[in-house]
Amino acid sequence: MDVLHRCKAQLEQLLAEMAEQTNLEPGTLFVVGCSTSEIAGSRIGTAGAIEIGEMLFEPLTEFAKKHQLFLAFQGCEHINRALTIERKAAEKFKLDPVSVIPVAHAGGSMSAYAYRHMEDPVVVEEIRASAGIDIGQTLIGMHLKPVAVPLRTSIGKIGDAIVTVATTRPKLIGGTRAIYE
């Protein structure tokens, strides 16, 4: 099995395990941070590869469709980690588009590929996602709702990139007398 097919299989397994561990609420945002450089074994931001973004896009969109989620692809630091989403998601969540188009060297290969292959993409500055996947330590936490809860899967890496998945839960407030369930 070549490297790209192995990475795709790893992602599919990770997403299946994630779905088993959490209740993915339909109509919510799912953030994807991805360093194609890290997947390929290089330092983040140094060796982006559109073909890796292409390989990951299909299983991510299938996962989103199956669970009725809106995908948000986090760009790199050169566009302040802005996110590529479908216009209908921006409208639903009342998010204002910004004027930038992600490209491989200013946005990242995954975000650039997503922008070119989504139905009606826009880029927004920030979101509050209910869950997400971080491939290559891209720091998606800034785009997750509080309180983030890491999930453990059998997949610790996709290619050479460390991978972390998380869901969120509502804050617990009220102190020792509070009842939560």
C-alpha atoms as a PDB file:
ATOM      1  CA  MET A   1       0.000   0.000   0.000  1.00  0.00           C
ATOM      2  CA  ASP A   2       1.467   3.358  -0.951  1.00  0.00           C
ATOM      3  CA  VAL A   3       1.841   6.188   1.566  1.00  0.00           C
ATOM      4  CA  LEU A   4      -1.203   8.174   0.416  1.00  0.00           C
ATOM      5  CA  HIS A   5      -3.529   5.160   0.604  1.00  0.00           C
ATOM      6  CA  ARG A   6      -2.154   4.283   4.052  1.00  0.00           C
ATOM      7  CA  CYS A   7      -2.803   7.843   5.266  1.00  0.00           C
ATOM      8  CA  LYS A   8      -6.341   7.764   3.870  1.00  0.00           C
ATOM      9  CA  ALA A   9      -6.998   4.447   5.632  1.00  0.00           C
ATOM     10  CA  GLN A  10      -5.618   5.868   8.893  1.00  0.00           C
ATOM     11  CA  LEU A  11      -7.914   8.896   8.617  1.00  0.00           C
ATOM     12  CA  GLU A  12     -10.955   6.741   7.851  1.00  0.00           C
ATOM     13  CA  GLN A  13     -10.222   4.531  10.889  1.00  0.00           C
ATOM     14  CA  LEU A  14      -9.699   7.554  13.130  1.00  0.00           C
ATOM     15  CA  LEU A  15     -12.972   9.172  12.024  1.00  0.00           C
ATOM     16  CA  ALA A  16     -14.891   5.917  12.560  1.00  0.00           C
ATOM     17  CA  GLU A  17     -13.479   5.569  16.081  1.00  0.00           C
ATOM     18  CA  MET A  18     -14.231   9.209  16.820  1.00  0.00           C
ATOM     19  CA  ALA A  19     -17.853   8.786  15.735  1.00  0.00           C
ATOM     20  CA  GLU A  20     -18.192   5.794  18.084  1.00  0.00           C
ATOM     21  CA  GLN A  21     -16.991   7.848  21.053  1.00  0.00           C
ATOM     22  CA  THR A  22     -19.006  11.027  20.725  1.00  0.00           C
ATOM     23  CA  ASN A  23     -22.425  12.273  19.765  1.00  0.00           C
ATOM     24  CA  LEU A  24     -21.833  14.386  16.665  1.00  0.00           C
ATOM     25  CA  GLU A  25     -24.813  16.704  16.570  1.00  0.00           C
ATOM     26  CA  PRO A  26     -26.159  17.281  13.033  1.00  0.00           C
ATOM     27  CA  GLY A  27     -25.820  20.835  11.768  1.00  0.00           C
ATOM     28  CA  THR A  28     -22.756  21.681  13.864  1.00  0.00           C
ATOM     29  CA  LEU A  29     -19.276  22.758  12.834  1.00  0.00           C
ATOM     30  CA  PHE A  30     -16.366  20.313  12.632  1.00  0.00           C
ATOM     31  CA  VAL A  31     -12.927  21.943  12.398  1.00  0.00           C
ATOM     32  CA  VAL A  32     -10.053  20.338  10.478  1.00  0.00           C
ATOM     33  CA  GLY A  33      -6.506  21.522  11.052  1.00  0.00           C
ATOM     34  CA  CYS A  34      -4.006  19.770   8.827  1.00  0.00           C
ATOM     35  CA  SER A  35      -0.314  20.096   8.090  1.00  0.00           C
ATOM     36  CA  THR A  36       0.385  18.192   4.901  1.00  0.00           C
ATOM     37  CA  SER A  37       4.074  18.904   5.568  1.00  0.00           C
ATOM     38  CA  GLU A  38       3.923  16.992   8.867  1.00  0.00           C
ATOM     39  CA  ILE A  39       2.080  14.103   7.222  1.00  0.00           C
ATOM     40  CA  ALA A  40       4.909  13.881   4.693  1.00  0.00           C
ATOM     41  CA  GLY A  41       7.535  13.873   7.458  1.00  0.00           C
ATOM     42  CA  SER A  42       8.673  17.501   7.246  1.00  0.00           C
ATOM     43  CA  ARG A  43       8.343  20.397   9.665  1.00  0.00           C
ATOM     44  CA  ILE A  44       4.991  22.212   9.589  1.00  0.00           C
ATOM     45  CA  GLY A  45       4.853  24.845   6.863  1.00  0.00           C
ATOM     46  CA  THR A  46       7.891  23.643   4.927  1.00  0.00           C
ATOM     47  CA  ALA A  47       6.741  21.031   2.404  1.00  0.00           C
ATOM     48  CA  GLY A  48       3.018  21.359   1.764  1.00  0.00           C
ATOM     49  CA  ALA A  49       1.483  18.947  -0.704  1.00  0.00           C
ATOM     50  CA  ILE A  50      -1.816  19.552  -2.490  1.00  0.00           C
ATOM     51  CA  GLU A  51      -2.010  15.820  -3.355  1.00  0.00           C
ATOM     52  CA  ILE A  52      -2.149  15.003   0.384  1.00  0.00           C
ATOM     53  CA  GLY A  53      -4.950  17.547   0.847  1.00  0.00           C
ATOM     54  CA  GLU A  54      -6.757  15.956  -2.075  1.00  0.00           C
ATOM     55  CA  MET A  55      -6.411  12.484  -0.559  1.00  0.00           C
ATOM     56  CA  LEU A  56      -7.814  13.623   2.819  1.00  0.00           C
ATOM     57  CA  PHE A  57     -10.657  15.727   1.413  1.00  0.00           C
ATOM     58  CA  GLU A  58     -12.830  12.804   0.268  1.00  0.00           C
ATOM     59  CA  PRO A  59     -12.994  10.890   3.584  1.00  0.00           C
ATOM     60  CA  LEU A  60     -13.531  14.148   5.484  1.00  0.00           C
ATOM     61  CA  THR A  61     -16.412  15.217   3.240  1.00  0.00           C
ATOM     62  CA  GLU A  62     -17.955  11.727   3.378  1.00  0.00           C
ATOM     63  CA  PHE A  63     -17.720  11.814   7.189  1.00  0.00           C
ATOM     64  CA  ALA A  64     -19.324  15.269   7.293  1.00  0.00           C
ATOM     65  CA  LYS A  65     -22.117  14.212   4.953  1.00  0.00           C
ATOM     66  CA  LYS A  66     -22.819  11.032   6.949  1.00  0.00           C
ATOM     67  CA  HIS A  67     -23.065  12.970  10.225  1.00  0.00           C
ATOM     68  CA  GLN A  68     -24.608  16.120   8.670  1.00  0.00           C
ATOM     69  CA  LEU A  69     -21.734  18.353   9.807  1.00  0.00           C
ATOM     70  CA  PHE A  70     -20.344  21.565   8.364  1.00  0.00           C
ATOM     71  CA  LEU A  71     -16.597  21.264   7.712  1.00  0.00           C
ATOM     72  CA  ALA A  72     -14.265  24.144   8.525  1.00  0.00           C
ATOM     73  CA  PHE A  73     -10.708  23.861   7.191  1.00  0.00           C
ATOM     74  CA  GLN A  74      -8.280  25.879   9.280  1.00  0.00           C
ATOM     75  CA  GLY A  75      -5.659  27.798   7.337  1.00  0.00           C
ATOM     76  CA  CYS A  76      -2.100  28.344   8.467  1.00  0.00           C
ATOM     77  CA  GLU A  77      -0.664  31.181  10.512  1.00  0.00           C
ATOM     78  CA  HIS A  78      -0.050  33.278   7.364  1.00  0.00           C
ATOM     79  CA  ILE A  79      -3.795  33.908   7.133  1.00  0.00           C
ATOM     80  CA  ASN A  80      -4.204  34.014  10.939  1.00  0.00           C
ATOM     81  CA  ARG A  81      -5.686  30.497  10.997  1.00  0.00           C
ATOM     82  CA  ALA A  82      -8.805  31.716   9.164  1.00  0.00           C
ATOM     83  CA  LEU A  83     -11.215  28.973   8.110  1.00  0.00           C
ATOM     84  CA  THR A  84     -12.625  27.852   4.776  1.00  0.00           C
ATOM     85  CA  ILE A  85     -16.304  26.911   5.104  1.00  0.00           C
ATOM     86  CA  GLU A  86     -19.371  26.674   2.905  1.00  0.00           C
ATOM     87  CA  ARG A  87     -21.267  29.944   2.494  1.00  0.00           C
ATOM     88  CA  LYS A  88     -24.449  28.297   3.867  1.00  0.00           C
ATOM     89  CA  ALA A  89     -22.547  27.517   7.099  1.00  0.00           C
ATOM     90  CA  ALA A  90     -21.364  31.133   7.337  1.00  0.00           C
ATOM     91  CA  GLU A  91     -24.957  32.282   6.888  1.00  0.00           C
ATOM     92  CA  LYS A  92     -26.332  29.783   9.423  1.00  0.00           C
ATOM     93  CA  PHE A  93     -23.815  30.791  12.098  1.00  0.00           C
ATOM     94  CA  LYS A  94     -23.865  34.512  11.157  1.00  0.00           C
ATOM     95  CA  LEU A  95     -20.158  34.584  10.305  1.00  0.00           C
ATOM     96  CA  ASP A  96     -18.769  37.396   8.164  1.00  0.00           C
ATOM     97  CA  PRO A  97     -16.539  36.336   5.264  1.00  0.00           C
ATOM     98  CA  VAL A  98     -13.096  37.930   4.946  1.00  0.00           C
ATOM     99  CA  SER A  99     -11.165  38.752   1.789  1.00  0.00           C
ATOM    100  CA  VAL A 100      -8.536  36.063   1.370  1.00  0.00           C
ATOM    101  CA  ILE A 101      -8.155  32.981  -0.774  1.00  0.00           C
ATOM    102  CA  PRO A 102      -6.076  30.201   0.803  1.00  0.00           C
ATOM    103  CA  VAL A 103      -3.184  28.985  -1.332  1.00  0.00           C
ATOM    104  CA  ALA A 104      -0.542  26.393  -0.533  1.00  0.00           C
ATOM    105  CA  HIS A 105       2.001  28.905   0.847  1.00  0.00           C
ATOM    106  CA  ALA A 106      -0.490  31.224   2.560  1.00  0.00           C
ATOM    107  CA  GLY A 107      -3.307  29.164   3.960  1.00  0.00           C
ATOM    108  CA  GLY A 108      -1.933  25.662   3.628  1.00  0.00           C
ATOM    109  CA  SER A 109      -2.433  22.884   1.106  1.00  0.00           C
ATOM    110  CA  MET A 110      -5.464  21.347   2.861  1.00  0.00           C
ATOM    111  CA  SER A 111      -7.321  24.638   3.141  1.00  0.00           C
ATOM    112  CA  ALA A 112      -6.344  25.605  -0.420  1.00  0.00           C
ATOM    113  CA  TYR A 113      -7.601  22.295  -1.790  1.00  0.00           C
ATOM    114  CA  ALA A 114     -10.848  22.596   0.173  1.00  0.00           C
ATOM    115  CA  TYR A 115     -11.419  26.137  -1.100  1.00  0.00           C
ATOM    116  CA  ARG A 116     -11.127  24.966  -4.698  1.00  0.00           C
ATOM    117  CA  HIS A 117     -13.401  21.934  -4.212  1.00  0.00           C
ATOM    118  CA  MET A 118     -16.204  23.066  -1.907  1.00  0.00           C
ATOM    119  CA  GLU A 119     -19.547  24.047  -3.452  1.00  0.00           C
ATOM    120  CA  ASP A 120     -19.569  27.723  -2.455  1.00  0.00           C
ATOM    121  CA  PRO A 121     -16.592  28.432  -0.167  1.00  0.00           C
ATOM    122  CA  VAL A 122     -15.922  31.508   1.903  1.00  0.00           C
ATOM    123  CA  VAL A 123     -13.237  32.222   4.479  1.00  0.00           C
ATOM    124  CA  VAL A 124     -14.103  33.420   7.986  1.00  0.00           C
ATOM    125  CA  GLU A 125     -11.857  34.557  10.836  1.00  0.00           C
ATOM    126  CA  GLU A 126     -13.148  32.345  13.611  1.00  0.00           C
ATOM    127  CA  ILE A 127     -15.709  29.734  14.556  1.00  0.00           C
ATOM    128  CA  ARG A 128     -16.874  27.799  17.623  1.00  0.00           C
ATOM    129  CA  ALA A 129     -16.797  24.169  16.470  1.00  0.00           C
ATOM    130  CA  SER A 130     -18.357  21.318  18.418  1.00  0.00           C
ATOM    131  CA  ALA A 131     -15.601  18.856  17.465  1.00  0.00           C
ATOM    132  CA  GLY A 132     -12.532  18.578  15.317  1.00  0.00           C
ATOM    133  CA  ILE A 133      -9.379  16.868  14.176  1.00  0.00           C
ATOM    134  CA  ASP A 134      -5.862  18.282  14.399  1.00  0.00           C
ATOM    135  CA  ILE A 135      -3.369  16.594  12.088  1.00  0.00           C
ATOM    136  CA  GLY A 136       0.192  17.774  12.668  1.00  0.00           C
ATOM    137  CA  GLN A 137      -0.235  20.006  15.728  1.00  0.00           C
ATOM    138  CA  THR A 138      -1.922  22.889  13.906  1.00  0.00           C
ATOM    139  CA  LEU A 139      -3.562  24.113  17.129  1.00  0.00           C
ATOM    140  CA  ILE A 140      -7.300  23.919  16.378  1.00  0.00           C
ATOM    141  CA  GLY A 141      -8.172  24.651  20.017  1.00  0.00           C
ATOM    142  CA  MET A 142      -8.770  28.321  19.250  1.00  0.00           C
ATOM    143  CA  HIS A 143     -11.709  27.245  17.071  1.00  0.00           C
ATOM    144  CA  LEU A 144     -13.367  24.778  19.481  1.00  0.00           C
ATOM    145  CA  LYS A 145     -16.146  25.631  21.901  1.00  0.00           C
ATOM    146  CA  PRO A 146     -15.210  25.482  25.543  1.00  0.00           C
ATOM    147  CA  VAL A 147     -14.877  22.874  27.052  1.00  0.00           C
ATOM    148  CA  ALA A 148     -12.704  20.749  24.717  1.00  0.00           C
ATOM    149  CA  VAL A 149     -12.548  17.044  25.533  1.00  0.00           C
ATOM    150  CA  PRO A 150      -9.786  14.985  23.876  1.00  0.00           C
ATOM    151  CA  LEU A 151     -10.752  11.588  22.501  1.00  0.00           C
ATOM    152  CA  ARG A 152      -8.430   8.579  22.330  1.00  0.00           C
ATOM    153  CA  THR A 153      -8.294   6.438  19.213  1.00  0.00           C
ATOM    154  CA  SER A 154      -5.999   3.677  18.024  1.00  0.00           C
ATOM    155  CA  ILE A 155      -4.606   6.111  15.433  1.00  0.00           C
ATOM    156  CA  GLY A 156      -1.889   8.343  16.919  1.00  0.00           C
ATOM    157  CA  LYS A 157      -0.471   9.530  13.611  1.00  0.00           C
ATOM    158  CA  ILE A 158      -1.542  10.054  10.038  1.00  0.00           C
ATOM    159  CA  GLY A 159       1.587   9.556   8.016  1.00  0.00           C
ATOM    160  CA  ASP A 160       4.246  11.158  10.212  1.00  0.00           C
ATOM    161  CA  ALA A 161       1.871  13.763  11.706  1.00  0.00           C
ATOM    162  CA  ILE A 162       0.716  13.532  15.312  1.00  0.00           C
ATOM    163  CA  VAL A 163      -3.070  13.563  15.358  1.00  0.00           C
ATOM    164  CA  THR A 164      -5.472  14.706  18.066  1.00  0.00           C
ATOM    165  CA  VAL A 165      -9.245  14.566  17.990  1.00  0.00           C
ATOM    166  CA  ALA A 166     -11.584  16.404  20.308  1.00  0.00           C
ATOM    167  CA  THR A 167     -15.211  16.986  21.037  1.00  0.00           C
ATOM    168  CA  THR A 168     -16.694  19.615  23.327  1.00  0.00           C
ATOM    169  CA  ARG A 169     -19.193  19.709  26.141  1.00  0.00           C
ATOM    170  CA  PRO A 170     -21.104  22.509  27.848  1.00  0.00           C
ATOM    171  CA  LYS A 171     -19.388  24.215  30.785  1.00  0.00           C
ATOM    172  CA  LEU A 172     -20.300  22.842  34.216  1.00  0.00           C
ATOM    173  CA  ILE A 173     -21.321  25.789  36.387  1.00  0.00           C
ATOM    174  CA  GLY A 174     -22.996  26.208  39.742  1.00  0.00           C
ATOM    175  CA  GLY A 175     -20.702  24.572  42.282  1.00  0.00           C
ATOM    176  CA  THR A 176     -21.252  21.586  44.556  1.00  0.00           C
ATOM    177  CA  ARG A 177     -25.054  21.979  44.797  1.00  0.00           C
ATOM    178  CA  ALA A 178     -25.576  22.026  41.051  1.00  0.00           C
ATOM    179  CA  ILE A 179     -27.152  19.104  39.230  1.00  0.00           C
ATOM    180  CA  TYR A 180     -25.890  18.450  35.702  1.00  0.00           C
ATOM    181  CA  GLU A 181     -27.926  15.496  34.457  1.00  0.00           C
END
